[in-house]
């Protein structure tokens, strides 16, 4: 049976690896190379996530604002409808 290769342990953020004695950088200073545990390989750039960015943040903000506006409108309408008799009494007392 061939000897098993030692398991390379990386930090939680993936930027460091443990060599058994100390933490070593797993990414080159220019971020173009990544350590695999045995050799340096070209680092792959993360694929741009679709739908993420300033455009979607703006759309989400607008949607949340409209949602809050609708919620406040519905609550205000329910309150005004339930208090309509009291409001008409107050107005008639002010006018009279």
PDB file of N, CA and C in Angstrom:
ATOM      1  N   UNK A   1       0.842  -1.168   0.000  1.00  0.00           N
ATOM      2  CA  UNK A   1       0.000   0.000   0.000  1.00  0.00           C
ATOM      3  C   UNK A   1       0.893   1.238   0.000  1.00  0.00           C
ATOM      4  N   UNK A   2       0.630   2.202  -0.907  1.00  0.00           N
ATOM      5  CA  UNK A   2       1.456   3.408  -0.921  1.00  0.00           C
ATOM      6  C   UNK A   2       1.160   4.275   0.292  1.00  0.00           C
ATOM      7  N   UNK A   3       2.182   4.983   0.779  1.00  0.00           N
ATOM      8  CA  UNK A   3       1.929   5.848   1.942  1.00  0.00           C
ATOM      9  C   UNK A   3       0.963   6.963   1.580  1.00  0.00           C
ATOM     10  N   UNK A   4       0.081   7.278   2.500  1.00  0.00           N
ATOM     11  CA  UNK A   4      -0.902   8.327   2.240  1.00  0.00           C
ATOM     12  C   UNK A   4      -0.228   9.694   2.345  1.00  0.00           C
ATOM     13  N   UNK A   5      -0.690  10.609   1.518  1.00  0.00           N
ATOM     14  CA  UNK A   5      -0.163  11.962   1.544  1.00  0.00           C
ATOM     15  C   UNK A   5      -0.692  12.686   2.780  1.00  0.00           C
ATOM     16  N   UNK A   6       0.145  13.512   3.412  1.00  0.00           N
ATOM     17  CA  UNK A   6      -0.342  14.240   4.596  1.00  0.00           C
ATOM     18  C   UNK A   6      -1.451  15.205   4.201  1.00  0.00           C
ATOM     19  N   UNK A   7      -2.405  15.324   5.069  1.00  0.00           N
ATOM     20  CA  UNK A   7      -3.536  16.222   4.825  1.00  0.00           C
ATOM     21  C   UNK A   7      -3.101  17.660   5.103  1.00  0.00           C
ATOM     22  N   UNK A   8      -3.286  18.529   4.133  1.00  0.00           N
ATOM     23  CA  UNK A   8      -2.944  19.938   4.309  1.00  0.00           C
ATOM     24  C   UNK A   8      -4.086  20.626   5.028  1.00  0.00           C
ATOM     25  N   UNK A   9      -3.764  21.276   6.118  1.00  0.00           N
ATOM     26  CA  UNK A   9      -4.786  21.966   6.915  1.00  0.00           C
ATOM     27  C   UNK A   9      -4.717  23.451   6.623  1.00  0.00           C
ATOM     28  N   UNK A  10      -5.847  24.008   6.197  1.00  0.00           N
ATOM     29  CA  UNK A  10      -5.940  25.431   5.861  1.00  0.00           C
ATOM     30  C   UNK A  10      -6.680  26.183   6.962  1.00  0.00           C
ATOM     31  N   UNK A  11      -6.397  27.480   7.062  1.00  0.00           N
ATOM     32  CA  UNK A  11      -7.133  28.318   8.009  1.00  0.00           C
ATOM     33  C   UNK A  11      -8.565  28.496   7.505  1.00  0.00           C
ATOM     34  N   UNK A  12      -9.423  29.001   8.372  1.00  0.00           N
ATOM     35  CA  UNK A  12     -10.833  29.177   8.005  1.00  0.00           C
ATOM     36  C   UNK A  12     -11.007  30.104   6.816  1.00  0.00           C
ATOM     37  N   UNK A  13     -10.151  31.123   6.704  1.00  0.00           N
ATOM     38  CA  UNK A  13     -10.285  32.047   5.584  1.00  0.00           C
ATOM     39  C   UNK A  13      -9.589  31.545   4.323  1.00  0.00           C
ATOM     40  N   UNK A  14      -8.799  30.466   4.417  1.00  0.00           N
ATOM     41  CA  UNK A  14      -8.152  29.871   3.265  1.00  0.00           C
ATOM     42  C   UNK A  14      -6.866  30.555   2.836  1.00  0.00           C
ATOM     43  N   UNK A  15      -6.407  31.540   3.594  1.00  0.00           N
ATOM     44  CA  UNK A  15      -5.205  32.273   3.209  1.00  0.00           C
ATOM     45  C   UNK A  15      -3.929  31.710   3.855  1.00  0.00           C
ATOM     46  N   UNK A  16      -4.066  30.726   4.756  1.00  0.00           N
ATOM     47  CA  UNK A  16      -2.920  30.173   5.457  1.00  0.00           C
ATOM     48  C   UNK A  16      -3.028  28.656   5.483  1.00  0.00           C
ATOM     49  N   UNK A  17      -1.870  27.959   5.553  1.00  0.00           N
ATOM     50  CA  UNK A  17      -1.859  26.506   5.707  1.00  0.00           C
ATOM     51  C   UNK A  17      -0.858  26.132   6.785  1.00  0.00           C
ATOM     52  N   UNK A  18      -1.135  25.034   7.480  1.00  0.00           N
ATOM     53  CA  UNK A  18      -0.312  24.592   8.601  1.00  0.00           C
ATOM     54  C   UNK A  18       0.687  23.559   8.101  1.00  0.00           C
ATOM     55  N   UNK A  19       1.986  23.810   8.317  1.00  0.00           N
ATOM     56  CA  UNK A  19       3.015  22.881   7.851  1.00  0.00           C
ATOM     57  C   UNK A  19       3.458  21.922   8.946  1.00  0.00           C
ATOM     58  N   UNK A  20       2.791  21.932  10.068  1.00  0.00           N
ATOM     59  CA  UNK A  20       3.134  21.071  11.187  1.00  0.00           C
ATOM     60  C   UNK A  20       3.859  21.819  12.279  1.00  0.00           C
ATOM     61  N   UNK A  21       4.415  22.987  11.937  1.00  0.00           N
ATOM     62  CA  UNK A  21       5.131  23.761  12.934  1.00  0.00           C
ATOM     63  C   UNK A  21       4.649  25.206  12.997  1.00  0.00           C
ATOM     64  N   UNK A  22       4.215  25.738  11.857  1.00  0.00           N
ATOM     65  CA  UNK A  22       3.761  27.130  11.828  1.00  0.00           C
ATOM     66  C   UNK A  22       2.824  27.341  10.646  1.00  0.00           C
ATOM     67  N   UNK A  23       2.121  28.456  10.674  1.00  0.00           N
ATOM     68  CA  UNK A  23       1.209  28.813   9.593  1.00  0.00           C
ATOM     69  C   UNK A  23       1.997  29.488   8.474  1.00  0.00           C
ATOM     70  N   UNK A  24       1.798  29.034   7.256  1.00  0.00           N
ATOM     71  CA  UNK A  24       2.461  29.579   6.075  1.00  0.00           C
ATOM     72  C   UNK A  24       1.399  30.161   5.146  1.00  0.00           C
ATOM     73  N   UNK A  25       1.741  31.186   4.375  1.00  0.00           N
ATOM     74  CA  UNK A  25       0.748  31.746   3.452  1.00  0.00           C
ATOM     75  C   UNK A  25       0.360  30.733   2.374  1.00  0.00           C
ATOM     76  N   UNK A  26      -0.929  30.622   2.111  1.00  0.00           N
ATOM     77  CA  UNK A  26      -1.427  29.711   1.079  1.00  0.00           C
ATOM     78  C   UNK A  26      -1.668  30.436  -0.235  1.00  0.00           C
ATOM     79  N   UNK A  27      -1.503  31.741  -0.220  1.00  0.00           N
ATOM     80  CA  UNK A  27      -1.685  32.553  -1.417  1.00  0.00           C
ATOM     81  C   UNK A  27      -0.456  33.446  -1.539  1.00  0.00           C
ATOM     82  N   UNK A  28       0.036  33.591  -2.769  1.00  0.00           N
ATOM     83  CA  UNK A  28       1.210  34.438  -2.970  1.00  0.00           C
ATOM     84  C   UNK A  28       0.855  35.895  -2.687  1.00  0.00           C
ATOM     85  N   UNK A  29       1.858  36.730  -2.391  1.00  0.00           N
ATOM     86  CA  UNK A  29       1.579  38.145  -2.091  1.00  0.00           C
ATOM     87  C   UNK A  29       0.836  38.867  -3.222  1.00  0.00           C
ATOM     88  N   UNK A  30       1.071  38.464  -4.467  1.00  0.00           N
ATOM     89  CA  UNK A  30       0.367  39.107  -5.583  1.00  0.00           C
ATOM     90  C   UNK A  30      -0.973  38.435  -5.892  1.00  0.00           C
ATOM     91  N   UNK A  31      -1.317  37.411  -5.104  1.00  0.00           N
ATOM     92  CA  UNK A  31      -2.581  36.660  -5.217  1.00  0.00           C
ATOM     93  C   UNK A  31      -2.742  35.948  -6.557  1.00  0.00           C
ATOM     94  N   UNK A  32      -1.652  35.694  -7.251  1.00  0.00           N
ATOM     95  CA  UNK A  32      -1.719  34.992  -8.534  1.00  0.00           C
ATOM     96  C   UNK A  32      -1.477  33.497  -8.389  1.00  0.00           C
ATOM     97  N   UNK A  33      -0.931  33.067  -7.243  1.00  0.00           N
ATOM     98  CA  UNK A  33      -0.622  31.658  -7.023  1.00  0.00           C
ATOM     99  C   UNK A  33      -1.224  31.177  -5.716  1.00  0.00           C
ATOM    100  N   UNK A  34      -1.604  29.881  -5.671  1.00  0.00           N
ATOM    101  CA  UNK A  34      -2.190  29.265  -4.482  1.00  0.00           C
ATOM    102  C   UNK A  34      -1.433  27.969  -4.181  1.00  0.00           C
ATOM    103  N   UNK A  35      -1.190  27.730  -2.900  1.00  0.00           N
ATOM    104  CA  UNK A  35      -0.497  26.528  -2.450  1.00  0.00           C
ATOM    105  C   UNK A  35      -1.502  25.391  -2.307  1.00  0.00           C
ATOM    106  N   UNK A  36      -1.212  24.230  -2.910  1.00  0.00           N
ATOM    107  CA  UNK A  36      -2.120  23.081  -2.855  1.00  0.00           C
ATOM    108  C   UNK A  36      -1.771  22.109  -1.738  1.00  0.00           C
ATOM    109  N   UNK A  37      -0.663  22.345  -1.064  1.00  0.00           N
ATOM    110  CA  UNK A  37      -0.180  21.405  -0.059  1.00  0.00           C
ATOM    111  C   UNK A  37       1.078  20.723  -0.549  1.00  0.00           C
ATOM    112  N   UNK A  38       1.299  20.734  -1.870  1.00  0.00           N
ATOM    113  CA  UNK A  38       2.500  20.131  -2.442  1.00  0.00           C
ATOM    114  C   UNK A  38       3.204  21.075  -3.413  1.00  0.00           C
ATOM    115  N   UNK A  39       2.457  21.916  -4.089  1.00  0.00           N
ATOM    116  CA  UNK A  39       3.049  22.799  -5.095  1.00  0.00           C
ATOM    117  C   UNK A  39       2.206  24.049  -5.260  1.00  0.00           C
ATOM    118  N   UNK A  40       2.794  25.061  -5.895  1.00  0.00           N
ATOM    119  CA  UNK A  40       2.073  26.296  -6.191  1.00  0.00           C
ATOM    120  C   UNK A  40       1.394  26.145  -7.547  1.00  0.00           C
ATOM    121  N   UNK A  41       0.133  26.527  -7.617  1.00  0.00           N
ATOM    122  CA  UNK A  41      -0.625  26.486  -8.873  1.00  0.00           C
ATOM    123  C   UNK A  41      -1.231  27.864  -9.107  1.00  0.00           C
ATOM    124  N   UNK A  42      -1.544  28.198 -10.368  1.00  0.00           N
ATOM    125  CA  UNK A  42      -2.183  29.496 -10.619  1.00  0.00           C
ATOM    126  C   UNK A  42      -3.510  29.596  -9.870  1.00  0.00           C
ATOM    127  N   UNK A  43      -3.703  30.711  -9.225  1.00  0.00           N
ATOM    128  CA  UNK A  43      -4.956  30.931  -8.475  1.00  0.00           C
ATOM    129  C   UNK A  43      -6.066  31.217  -9.460  1.00  0.00           C
ATOM    130  N   UNK A  44      -7.205  30.638  -9.210  1.00  0.00           N
ATOM    131  CA  UNK A  44      -8.375  30.899 -10.045  1.00  0.00           C
ATOM    132  C   UNK A  44      -9.167  32.026  -9.440  1.00  0.00           C
ATOM    133  N   UNK A  45      -9.531  32.974 -10.268  1.00  0.00           N
ATOM    134  CA  UNK A  45     -10.358  34.076  -9.805  1.00  0.00           C
ATOM    135  C   UNK A  45     -11.767  33.552  -9.570  1.00  0.00           C
ATOM    136  N   UNK A  46     -12.401  33.947  -8.484  1.00  0.00           N
ATOM    137  CA  UNK A  46     -13.779  33.500  -8.259  1.00  0.00           C
ATOM    138  C   UNK A  46     -14.686  34.046  -9.348  1.00  0.00           C
ATOM    139  N   UNK A  47     -15.566  33.201  -9.807  1.00  0.00           N
ATOM    140  CA  UNK A  47     -16.507  33.625 -10.844  1.00  0.00           C
ATOM    141  C   UNK A  47     -17.396  34.729 -10.305  1.00  0.00           C
ATOM    142  N   UNK A  48     -17.640  35.721 -11.121  1.00  0.00           N
ATOM    143  CA  UNK A  48     -18.500  36.827 -10.708  1.00  0.00           C
ATOM    144  C   UNK A  48     -19.905  36.292 -10.486  1.00  0.00           C
ATOM    145  N   UNK A  49     -20.417  36.522  -9.313  1.00  0.00           N
ATOM    146  CA  UNK A  49     -21.760  36.054  -8.990  1.00  0.00           C
ATOM    147  C   UNK A  49     -22.780  36.902  -9.733  1.00  0.00           C
ATOM    148  N   UNK A  50     -23.654  36.233 -10.428  1.00  0.00           N
ATOM    149  CA  UNK A  50     -24.670  36.965 -11.163  1.00  0.00           C
ATOM    150  C   UNK A  50     -25.730  37.458 -10.199  1.00  0.00           C
ATOM    151  N   UNK A  51     -26.211  38.649 -10.462  1.00  0.00           N
ATOM    152  CA  UNK A  51     -27.261  39.223  -9.631  1.00  0.00           C
ATOM    153  C   UNK A  51     -26.736  39.886  -8.374  1.00  0.00           C
ATOM    154  N   UNK A  52     -25.443  39.881  -8.191  1.00  0.00           N
ATOM    155  CA  UNK A  52     -24.861  40.517  -7.018  1.00  0.00           C
ATOM    156  C   UNK A  52     -24.159  41.791  -7.475  1.00  0.00           C
ATOM    157  N   UNK A  53     -24.352  42.825  -6.748  1.00  0.00           N
ATOM    158  CA  UNK A  53     -23.690  44.064  -7.096  1.00  0.00           C
ATOM    159  C   UNK A  53     -24.566  45.254  -6.780  1.00  0.00           C
ATOM    160  N   UNK A  54     -24.143  46.435  -7.229  1.00  0.00           N
ATOM    161  CA  UNK A  54     -24.888  47.636  -6.876  1.00  0.00           C
ATOM    162  C   UNK A  54     -26.293  47.659  -7.465  1.00  0.00           C
ATOM    163  N   UNK A  55     -26.472  47.093  -8.651  1.00  0.00           N
ATOM    164  CA  UNK A  55     -27.806  47.088  -9.264  1.00  0.00           C
ATOM    165  C   UNK A  55     -28.814  46.331  -8.431  1.00  0.00           C
ATOM    166  N   UNK A  56     -28.436  45.122  -7.983  1.00  0.00           N
ATOM    167  CA  UNK A  56     -29.381  44.364  -7.178  1.00  0.00           C
ATOM    168  C   UNK A  56     -29.571  44.964  -5.802  1.00  0.00           C
ATOM    169  N   UNK A  57     -28.525  45.586  -5.256  1.00  0.00           N
ATOM    170  CA  UNK A  57     -28.673  46.227  -3.947  1.00  0.00           C
ATOM    171  C   UNK A  57     -29.668  47.379  -4.033  1.00  0.00           C
ATOM    172  N   UNK A  58     -29.610  48.126  -5.116  1.00  0.00           N
ATOM    173  CA  UNK A  58     -30.551  49.235  -5.295  1.00  0.00           C
ATOM    174  C   UNK A  58     -31.969  48.699  -5.451  1.00  0.00           C
ATOM    175  N   UNK A  59     -32.131  47.640  -6.258  1.00  0.00           N
ATOM    176  CA  UNK A  59     -33.473  47.063  -6.452  1.00  0.00           C
ATOM    177  C   UNK A  59     -34.030  46.505  -5.147  1.00  0.00           C
ATOM    178  N   UNK A  60     -33.203  45.855  -4.369  1.00  0.00           N
ATOM    179  CA  UNK A  60     -33.661  45.313  -3.084  1.00  0.00           C
ATOM    180  C   UNK A  60     -34.051  46.443  -2.142  1.00  0.00           C
ATOM    181  N   UNK A  61     -33.256  47.525  -2.122  1.00  0.00           N
ATOM    182  CA  UNK A  61     -33.581  48.674  -1.265  1.00  0.00           C
ATOM    183  C   UNK A  61     -34.905  49.307  -1.664  1.00  0.00           C
ATOM    184  N   UNK A  62     -35.131  49.459  -2.969  1.00  0.00           N
ATOM    185  CA  UNK A  62     -36.391  50.031  -3.449  1.00  0.00           C
ATOM    186  C   UNK A  62     -37.559  49.124  -3.085  1.00  0.00           C
ATOM    187  N   UNK A  63     -37.376  47.807  -3.255  1.00  0.00           N
ATOM    188  CA  UNK A  63     -38.449  46.860  -2.930  1.00  0.00           C
ATOM    189  C   UNK A  63     -38.779  46.897  -1.439  1.00  0.00           C
ATOM    190  N   UNK A  64     -37.769  46.973  -0.597  1.00  0.00           N
ATOM    191  CA  UNK A  64     -38.011  47.041   0.854  1.00  0.00           C
ATOM    192  C   UNK A  64     -38.728  48.341   1.200  1.00  0.00           C
ATOM    193  N   UNK A  65     -38.295  49.456   0.600  1.00  0.00           N
ATOM    194  CA  UNK A  65     -38.940  50.741   0.860  1.00  0.00           C
ATOM    195  C   UNK A  65     -40.412  50.702   0.459  1.00  0.00           C
ATOM    196  N   UNK A  66     -40.711  50.167  -0.717  1.00  0.00           N
ATOM    197  CA  UNK A  66     -42.098  50.079  -1.185  1.00  0.00           C
ATOM    198  C   UNK A  66     -42.902  49.155  -0.265  1.00  0.00           C
ATOM    199  N   UNK A  67     -42.292  48.051   0.165  1.00  0.00           N
ATOM    200  CA  UNK A  67     -42.979  47.134   1.080  1.00  0.00           C
ATOM    201  C   UNK A  67     -43.332  47.801   2.401  1.00  0.00           C
ATOM    202  N   UNK A  68     -42.395  48.563   2.957  1.00  0.00           N
ATOM    203  CA  UNK A  68     -42.662  49.275   4.214  1.00  0.00           C
ATOM    204  C   UNK A  68     -43.734  50.333   3.997  1.00  0.00           C
ATOM    205  N   UNK A  69     -43.680  51.046   2.881  1.00  0.00           N
ATOM    206  CA  UNK A  69     -44.685  52.068   2.564  1.00  0.00           C
ATOM    207  C   UNK A  69     -46.081  51.456   2.470  1.00  0.00           C
ATOM    208  N   UNK A  70     -46.193  50.320   1.813  1.00  0.00           N
ATOM    209  CA  UNK A  70     -47.494  49.643   1.698  1.00  0.00           C
ATOM    210  C   UNK A  70     -47.969  49.177   3.070  1.00  0.00           C
ATOM    211  N   UNK A  71     -47.076  48.613   3.873  1.00  0.00           N
ATOM    212  CA  UNK A  71     -47.451  48.141   5.204  1.00  0.00           C
ATOM    213  C   UNK A  71     -47.956  49.283   6.074  1.00  0.00           C
ATOM    214  N   UNK A  72     -47.267  50.417   6.060  1.00  0.00           N
ATOM    215  CA  UNK A  72     -47.697  51.572   6.849  1.00  0.00           C
ATOM    216  C   UNK A  72     -49.034  52.093   6.341  1.00  0.00           C
ATOM    217  N   UNK A  73     -49.231  52.099   5.025  1.00  0.00           N
ATOM    218  CA  UNK A  73     -50.503  52.552   4.460  1.00  0.00           C
ATOM    219  C   UNK A  73     -51.656  51.666   4.894  1.00  0.00           C
ATOM    220  N   UNK A  74     -51.450  50.371   4.880  1.00  0.00           N
ATOM    221  CA  UNK A  74     -52.514  49.440   5.287  1.00  0.00           C
ATOM    222  C   UNK A  74     -52.835  49.623   6.768  1.00  0.00           C
ATOM    223  N   UNK A  75     -51.815  49.734   7.593  1.00  0.00           N
ATOM    224  CA  UNK A  75     -52.053  49.916   9.034  1.00  0.00           C
ATOM    225  C   UNK A  75     -52.762  51.240   9.297  1.00  0.00           C
ATOM    226  N   UNK A  76     -52.342  52.316   8.629  1.00  0.00           N
ATOM    227  CA  UNK A  76     -52.991  53.619   8.827  1.00  0.00           C
ATOM    228  C   UNK A  76     -54.442  53.569   8.370  1.00  0.00           C
ATOM    229  N   UNK A  77     -54.711  52.904   7.250  1.00  0.00           N
ATOM    230  CA  UNK A  77     -56.090  52.791   6.750  1.00  0.00           C
ATOM    231  C   UNK A  77     -56.954  52.036   7.749  1.00  0.00           C
ATOM    232  N   UNK A  78     -56.441  50.944   8.287  1.00  0.00           N
ATOM    233  CA  UNK A  78     -57.216  50.165   9.267  1.00  0.00           C
ATOM    234  C   UNK A  78     -57.502  51.012  10.505  1.00  0.00           C
ATOM    235  N   UNK A  79     -56.518  51.757  10.966  1.00  0.00           N
ATOM    236  CA  UNK A  79     -56.726  52.600  12.151  1.00  0.00           C
ATOM    237  C   UNK A  79     -57.755  53.691  11.865  1.00  0.00           C
ATOM    238  N   UNK A  80     -57.642  54.377  10.717  1.00  0.00           N
ATOM    239  CA  UNK A  80     -58.586  55.447  10.395  1.00  0.00           C
ATOM    240  C   UNK A  80     -60.002  54.931  10.186  1.00  0.00           C
ATOM    241  N   UNK A  81     -60.140  53.762   9.566  1.00  0.00           N
ATOM    242  CA  UNK A  81     -61.487  53.197   9.369  1.00  0.00           C
ATOM    243  C   UNK A  81     -62.092  52.807  10.715  1.00  0.00           C
ATOM    244  N   UNK A  82     -61.294  52.232  11.597  1.00  0.00           N
ATOM    245  CA  UNK A  82     -61.839  51.807  12.887  1.00  0.00           C
ATOM    246  C   UNK A  82     -62.165  52.997  13.786  1.00  0.00           C
ATOM    247  N   UNK A  83     -61.530  54.148  13.560  1.00  0.00           N
ATOM    248  CA  UNK A  83     -61.767  55.322  14.387  1.00  0.00           C
ATOM    249  C   UNK A  83     -62.624  56.371  13.678  1.00  0.00           C
ATOM    250  N   UNK A  84     -63.260  56.013  12.582  1.00  0.00           N
ATOM    251  CA  UNK A  84     -63.987  57.018  11.792  1.00  0.00           C
ATOM    252  C   UNK A  84     -65.096  57.698  12.594  1.00  0.00           C
ATOM    253  N   UNK A  85     -65.835  56.951  13.423  1.00  0.00           N
ATOM    254  CA  UNK A  85     -66.908  57.550  14.219  1.00  0.00           C
ATOM    255  C   UNK A  85     -66.341  58.551  15.231  1.00  0.00           C
ATOM    256  N   UNK A  86     -65.248  58.185  15.874  1.00  0.00           N
ATOM    257  CA  UNK A  86     -64.644  59.090  16.857  1.00  0.00           C
ATOM    258  C   UNK A  86     -64.097  60.351  16.179  1.00  0.00           C
ATOM    259  N   UNK A  87     -63.488  60.178  14.998  1.00  0.00           N
ATOM    260  CA  UNK A  87     -62.947  61.343  14.283  1.00  0.00           C
ATOM    261  C   UNK A  87     -64.073  62.264  13.840  1.00  0.00           C
ATOM    262  N   UNK A  88     -65.201  61.699  13.362  1.00  0.00           N
ATOM    263  CA  UNK A  88     -66.312  62.549  12.945  1.00  0.00           C
ATOM    264  C   UNK A  88     -66.915  63.274  14.136  1.00  0.00           C
ATOM    265  N   UNK A  89     -66.965  62.657  15.309  1.00  0.00           N
ATOM    266  CA  UNK A  89     -67.458  63.337  16.522  1.00  0.00           C
ATOM    267  C   UNK A  89     -66.540  64.506  16.895  1.00  0.00           C
ATOM    268  N   UNK A  90     -65.235  64.294  16.817  1.00  0.00           N
ATOM    269  CA  UNK A  90     -64.288  65.371  17.153  1.00  0.00           C
ATOM    270  C   UNK A  90     -64.469  66.516  16.179  1.00  0.00           C
ATOM    271  N   UNK A  91     -64.576  66.227  14.878  1.00  0.00           N
ATOM    272  CA  UNK A  91     -64.742  67.286  13.881  1.00  0.00           C
ATOM    273  C   UNK A  91     -66.052  68.027  14.046  1.00  0.00           C
ATOM    274  N   UNK A  92     -67.125  67.307  14.372  1.00  0.00           N
ATOM    275  CA  UNK A  92     -68.400  67.987  14.572  1.00  0.00           C
ATOM    276  C   UNK A  92     -68.352  68.868  15.819  1.00  0.00           C
ATOM    277  N   UNK A  93     -67.639  68.460  16.856  1.00  0.00           N
ATOM    278  CA  UNK A  93     -67.493  69.295  18.047  1.00  0.00           C
ATOM    279  C   UNK A  93     -66.641  70.532  17.748  1.00  0.00           C
ATOM    280  N   UNK A  94     -65.639  70.418  16.917  1.00  0.00           N
ATOM    281  CA  UNK A  94     -64.794  71.557  16.586  1.00  0.00           C
ATOM    282  C   UNK A  94     -65.572  72.552  15.752  1.00  0.00           C
ATOM    283  N   UNK A  95     -66.309  72.046  14.793  1.00  0.00           N
ATOM    284  CA  UNK A  95     -67.083  72.923  13.906  1.00  0.00           C
ATOM    285  C   UNK A  95     -68.230  73.589  14.683  1.00  0.00           C
ATOM    286  N   UNK A  96     -68.885  72.831  15.533  1.00  0.00           N
ATOM    287  CA  UNK A  96     -70.062  73.317  16.264  1.00  0.00           C
ATOM    288  C   UNK A  96     -69.674  74.062  17.461  1.00  0.00           C
TER     289      UNK A  96
END
